[in-house]
N, C-alpha and C. Protein backbone atom coordinates (compact mmCIF):
# COMPACT_ATOMS: atom_id res chain seq x y z
N MET A 1 183.39 165.97 108.50
CA MET A 1 182.48 166.06 107.31
C MET A 1 181.13 165.38 107.39
N LEU A 2 181.19 164.17 108.09
CA LEU A 2 180.00 163.41 108.25
C LEU A 2 178.97 164.07 109.17
N GLY A 3 179.46 164.70 110.25
CA GLY A 3 178.71 165.50 111.13
C GLY A 3 177.97 166.74 110.49
N LEU A 4 178.69 167.40 109.57
CA LEU A 4 178.14 168.44 108.96
C LEU A 4 177.11 167.93 107.85
N LEU A 5 177.18 166.91 107.31
CA LEU A 5 176.25 166.18 106.38
C LEU A 5 175.02 165.90 107.12
N ALA A 6 175.10 165.29 108.25
CA ALA A 6 174.02 164.80 109.21
C ALA A 6 173.23 166.04 109.58
N THR A 7 174.05 167.22 109.95
CA THR A 7 173.20 168.49 110.47
C THR A 7 172.55 169.00 109.37
N VAL A 8 173.16 169.20 108.23
CA VAL A 8 172.28 169.56 107.18
C VAL A 8 171.06 168.82 106.72
N ALA A 9 171.18 167.56 106.70
CA ALA A 9 170.15 166.52 106.37
C ALA A 9 169.05 166.78 107.41
N PHE A 10 169.33 166.91 108.83
CA PHE A 10 168.31 167.21 109.72
C PHE A 10 167.65 168.55 109.61
N ALA A 11 168.42 169.56 109.31
CA ALA A 11 167.84 170.81 109.24
C ALA A 11 166.92 170.88 107.99
N MET A 12 167.15 170.20 106.93
CA MET A 12 166.26 170.03 105.69
C MET A 12 165.01 169.53 106.08
N PHE A 13 165.10 168.32 106.84
CA PHE A 13 163.93 167.44 107.29
C PHE A 13 162.97 168.36 108.20
N ALA A 14 163.56 169.07 109.14
CA ALA A 14 162.96 169.90 109.99
C ALA A 14 162.14 170.99 109.26
N HIS A 15 162.85 171.82 108.43
CA HIS A 15 162.29 172.71 107.52
C HIS A 15 161.10 172.30 106.89
N ASP A 16 161.25 171.26 106.07
CA ASP A 16 160.34 170.69 105.23
C ASP A 16 158.93 170.08 106.03
N ASN A 17 159.19 169.73 107.23
CA ASN A 17 158.21 169.14 108.05
C ASN A 17 157.74 169.95 109.12
N ALA A 18 157.97 171.19 109.20
CA ALA A 18 157.77 172.01 110.26
C ALA A 18 156.29 172.16 110.69
N GLU A 19 155.30 172.06 109.77
CA GLU A 19 153.91 172.03 110.14
C GLU A 19 153.61 170.86 110.89
N PHE A 20 154.09 169.65 110.44
CA PHE A 20 153.90 168.39 111.08
C PHE A 20 154.37 168.37 112.51
N ILE A 21 155.66 168.89 112.53
CA ILE A 21 156.29 168.87 113.95
C ILE A 21 155.62 169.84 114.96
N ASN A 22 155.16 170.97 114.53
CA ASN A 22 154.35 171.71 115.45
C ASN A 22 153.07 171.14 115.83
N ASP A 23 152.37 170.53 114.84
CA ASP A 23 151.17 169.77 115.27
C ASP A 23 151.41 168.67 116.17
N MET A 24 152.43 167.96 115.92
CA MET A 24 152.82 166.92 116.86
C MET A 24 153.04 167.36 118.22
N ASN A 25 153.91 168.48 118.40
CA ASN A 25 154.27 169.08 119.69
C ASN A 25 152.96 169.39 120.41
N GLU A 26 152.04 170.01 119.75
CA GLU A 26 150.83 170.55 120.34
C GLU A 26 149.90 169.33 120.89
N LYS A 27 149.97 168.15 119.99
CA LYS A 27 149.24 166.94 120.49
C LYS A 27 149.84 166.40 121.62
N LEU A 28 151.12 166.23 121.71
CA LEU A 28 151.88 165.68 122.86
C LEU A 28 151.64 166.30 124.11
N GLU A 29 151.35 167.66 124.06
CA GLU A 29 151.12 168.44 125.14
C GLU A 29 149.58 168.06 125.61
N GLN A 30 148.79 167.50 124.69
CA GLN A 30 147.36 167.09 125.09
C GLN A 30 147.29 165.52 125.54
N ASP A 31 148.49 164.94 125.76
CA ASP A 31 148.70 163.50 126.10
C ASP A 31 148.19 162.70 124.94
N CYS A 32 148.40 163.09 123.74
CA CYS A 32 148.11 162.25 122.52
C CYS A 32 149.43 161.38 122.32
N SER A 33 149.35 160.26 121.74
CA SER A 33 150.48 159.44 121.23
C SER A 33 150.27 158.80 119.97
N PHE A 34 151.31 158.49 119.32
CA PHE A 34 151.22 157.88 117.98
C PHE A 34 150.63 156.50 118.21
N THR A 35 149.61 156.13 117.15
CA THR A 35 148.91 154.87 117.21
C THR A 35 149.09 154.30 115.72
N TYR A 36 149.51 152.97 115.56
CA TYR A 36 149.47 152.32 114.37
C TYR A 36 148.11 152.25 113.96
N THR A 37 147.76 152.71 112.68
CA THR A 37 146.29 152.81 112.16
C THR A 37 146.23 151.86 110.88
N GLY A 38 147.33 151.26 110.49
CA GLY A 38 147.22 150.61 109.25
C GLY A 38 147.39 151.56 108.03
N LYS A 39 147.39 151.05 106.89
CA LYS A 39 147.50 151.95 105.68
C LYS A 39 146.28 152.77 105.43
N GLN A 40 146.33 154.06 105.57
CA GLN A 40 145.21 154.98 105.14
C GLN A 40 145.67 155.99 104.37
N GLU A 41 144.68 156.48 103.47
CA GLU A 41 145.05 157.58 102.55
C GLU A 41 145.32 159.01 103.29
N VAL A 42 146.07 159.76 102.79
CA VAL A 42 146.40 161.00 103.43
C VAL A 42 145.24 161.88 103.60
N ARG A 43 145.03 162.59 104.70
CA ARG A 43 143.96 163.70 104.89
C ARG A 43 144.70 164.87 104.66
N PRO A 44 144.19 165.75 103.68
CA PRO A 44 144.80 167.13 103.40
C PRO A 44 144.75 168.05 104.57
N ASP A 45 143.88 167.84 105.57
CA ASP A 45 143.55 168.73 106.65
C ASP A 45 144.36 168.37 107.83
N VAL A 46 145.16 167.16 107.81
CA VAL A 46 145.93 166.87 109.00
C VAL A 46 147.43 166.84 108.57
N PRO A 47 148.20 167.51 109.23
CA PRO A 47 149.72 167.53 108.83
C PRO A 47 150.34 166.16 108.90
N HIS A 48 151.02 165.75 108.05
CA HIS A 48 151.44 164.39 108.08
C HIS A 48 152.78 164.22 107.27
N ILE A 49 153.39 163.14 107.43
CA ILE A 49 154.58 162.58 106.63
C ILE A 49 154.15 161.41 106.03
N ALA A 50 153.99 161.36 104.73
CA ALA A 50 153.31 160.28 103.95
C ALA A 50 154.32 159.35 103.24
N VAL A 51 153.91 158.19 103.01
CA VAL A 51 154.64 157.29 102.29
C VAL A 51 154.20 157.42 100.73
N ASP A 52 155.05 157.70 99.74
CA ASP A 52 154.85 157.81 98.45
C ASP A 52 153.85 159.02 98.22
N ASN A 53 153.87 159.89 99.28
CA ASN A 53 152.94 161.20 99.26
C ASN A 53 151.42 160.77 99.09
N LYS A 54 151.12 159.46 99.51
CA LYS A 54 149.74 158.94 99.55
C LYS A 54 149.23 158.35 100.65
N TYR A 55 150.03 157.74 101.54
CA TYR A 55 149.48 156.77 102.70
C TYR A 55 150.23 157.15 103.98
N VAL A 56 149.48 157.04 105.01
CA VAL A 56 150.01 157.14 106.34
C VAL A 56 149.84 156.00 107.09
N TYR A 57 150.66 155.56 108.03
CA TYR A 57 150.46 154.42 108.82
C TYR A 57 150.33 154.54 110.42
N PHE A 58 150.64 155.78 110.78
CA PHE A 58 150.49 156.13 112.16
C PHE A 58 149.87 157.39 112.25
N SER A 59 149.05 157.59 113.30
CA SER A 59 148.32 158.96 113.53
C SER A 59 148.31 159.07 114.98
N MET A 60 148.09 160.42 115.33
CA MET A 60 147.97 160.99 116.72
C MET A 60 146.58 161.32 116.98
N GLU A 61 145.76 160.88 116.19
CA GLU A 61 144.31 161.11 116.31
C GLU A 61 143.53 159.81 116.34
N PRO A 62 142.40 159.78 117.15
CA PRO A 62 141.84 160.74 118.03
C PRO A 62 142.63 160.87 119.39
N CYS A 63 142.64 162.04 119.89
CA CYS A 63 143.34 162.21 121.35
C CYS A 63 142.34 161.91 122.26
N PRO A 64 142.66 161.65 123.52
CA PRO A 64 141.77 161.43 124.69
C PRO A 64 141.19 162.77 124.93
N LYS A 65 139.96 162.81 125.27
CA LYS A 65 139.23 164.06 125.51
C LYS A 65 139.63 164.55 126.98
N GLY A 66 139.85 165.81 127.11
CA GLY A 66 140.19 166.52 128.44
C GLY A 66 138.96 166.51 129.36
N GLU A 67 139.17 166.33 130.60
CA GLU A 67 138.11 166.22 131.64
C GLU A 67 137.90 167.58 132.35
């Protein structure tokens, strides 16, 4: 029963955050990594998972420029 609950919770998280997860995977392919940025207001043009739907603390931007 606990396994089923965990599976459902993960599926709901993945569905709700699909845009963020896709953006994160693309940036990982470009050698980006998460960096602590401190408390910043959400930018609507950047997929995110926010605290209180207002603030982010980690970002994958800027990415290193390709050569």
